[in-house]
Amino acid sequence: SGRETKRVTPNYPAIAKSSNISGTVRVFAIVDENGKVWVTNSEGPTLLRKAAEDAARGWSFPPTLISGRPARLAGYLDFDFKL
């Protein structure tokens, strides 16, 4: 959404590169009340998932307030791997 305070780019796994694997990994993430990202699952090319999940865990967001109270948010982070 562009609200992140820290964005981490995933490292392209060497085995995926050498196997000519590319694509998009969609990571389902929960952003807690403090802005920390928790990864619950992902979908996309198997050899790319761990790199995308690790990158997502490195992201952070400002705390979100709803009616003045801290709130958790959930959504998807998409990571595109292109050769």
Protein backbone atom coordinates (compact mmCIF):
# COMPACT_ATOMS: atom_id res chain seq x y z
CA SER A 1 0.00 0.00 0.00
CA GLY A 2 3.02 2.27 0.22
CA ARG A 3 2.56 2.68 3.98
CA GLU A 4 5.47 0.43 4.91
CA THR A 5 8.30 2.02 6.87
CA LYS A 6 10.74 -0.70 5.83
CA ARG A 7 10.70 -2.76 2.64
CA VAL A 8 12.99 -5.73 2.02
CA THR A 9 13.67 -7.09 -1.45
CA PRO A 10 13.97 -10.88 -1.58
CA ASN A 11 17.18 -12.57 -2.71
CA TYR A 12 16.67 -14.70 -5.80
CA PRO A 13 17.52 -18.29 -4.78
CA ALA A 14 20.44 -19.63 -6.84
CA ILE A 15 18.73 -22.99 -7.42
CA ALA A 16 15.63 -21.24 -8.77
CA LYS A 17 17.75 -19.09 -11.09
CA SER A 18 19.72 -22.04 -12.39
CA SER A 19 16.44 -23.89 -12.97
CA ASN A 20 14.97 -20.88 -14.85
CA ILE A 21 12.13 -20.55 -12.36
CA SER A 22 10.39 -17.19 -12.20
CA GLY A 23 6.99 -15.92 -11.17
CA THR A 24 5.05 -14.17 -8.45
CA VAL A 25 4.88 -15.32 -4.85
CA ARG A 26 1.89 -14.05 -2.90
CA VAL A 27 2.59 -13.95 0.83
CA PHE A 28 -0.32 -13.71 3.26
CA ALA A 29 0.78 -11.53 6.15
CA ILE A 30 -0.63 -10.20 9.38
CA VAL A 31 0.60 -6.82 10.60
CA ASP A 32 0.34 -6.70 14.37
CA GLU A 33 -0.55 -3.72 16.55
CA ASN A 34 3.10 -2.60 16.58
CA GLY A 35 3.57 -2.83 12.81
CA LYS A 36 5.53 -6.10 12.80
CA VAL A 37 4.79 -8.53 9.96
CA TRP A 38 3.89 -12.18 10.63
CA VAL A 39 3.75 -14.57 7.69
CA THR A 40 1.07 -17.26 7.75
CA ASN A 41 1.40 -18.83 4.29
CA SER A 42 2.29 -18.18 0.67
CA GLU A 43 1.49 -19.39 -2.81
CA GLY A 44 3.52 -19.43 -5.99
CA PRO A 45 6.59 -21.28 -7.25
CA THR A 46 7.82 -23.50 -4.41
CA LEU A 47 11.52 -22.69 -4.85
CA LEU A 48 10.78 -18.97 -4.47
CA ARG A 49 8.45 -19.04 -1.47
CA LYS A 50 11.01 -19.07 1.35
CA ALA A 51 12.87 -16.06 -0.11
CA ALA A 52 9.60 -14.13 -0.41
CA GLU A 53 8.47 -15.08 3.09
CA ASP A 54 11.84 -14.08 4.58
CA ALA A 55 11.65 -10.72 2.81
CA ALA A 56 8.08 -10.15 4.01
CA ARG A 57 9.14 -10.77 7.62
CA GLY A 58 11.63 -7.93 7.22
CA TRP A 59 8.96 -5.39 6.29
CA SER A 60 7.47 -3.10 8.92
CA PHE A 61 4.54 -0.73 8.98
CA PRO A 62 3.48 2.13 11.23
CA PRO A 63 0.93 1.08 13.86
CA THR A 64 -2.65 1.28 12.64
CA LEU A 65 -5.28 2.87 14.83
CA ILE A 66 -8.98 2.20 14.42
CA SER A 67 -11.20 4.37 16.61
CA GLY A 68 -8.07 5.34 18.52
CA ARG A 69 -7.11 1.75 19.35
CA PRO A 70 -4.21 -0.27 17.87
CA ALA A 71 -5.41 -2.83 15.35
CA ARG A 72 -4.09 -5.82 13.43
CA LEU A 73 -4.34 -5.89 9.67
CA ALA A 74 -4.06 -8.77 7.23
CA GLY A 75 -3.36 -8.84 3.54
CA TYR A 76 -1.13 -10.01 0.73
CA LEU A 77 2.36 -8.93 -0.24
CA ASP A 78 3.31 -9.90 -3.80
CA PHE A 79 6.92 -10.51 -4.78
CA ASP A 80 7.81 -10.78 -8.47
CA PHE A 81 10.84 -12.86 -9.41
CA LYS A 82 12.02 -12.19 -12.96
CA LEU A 83 15.03 -13.63 -14.74
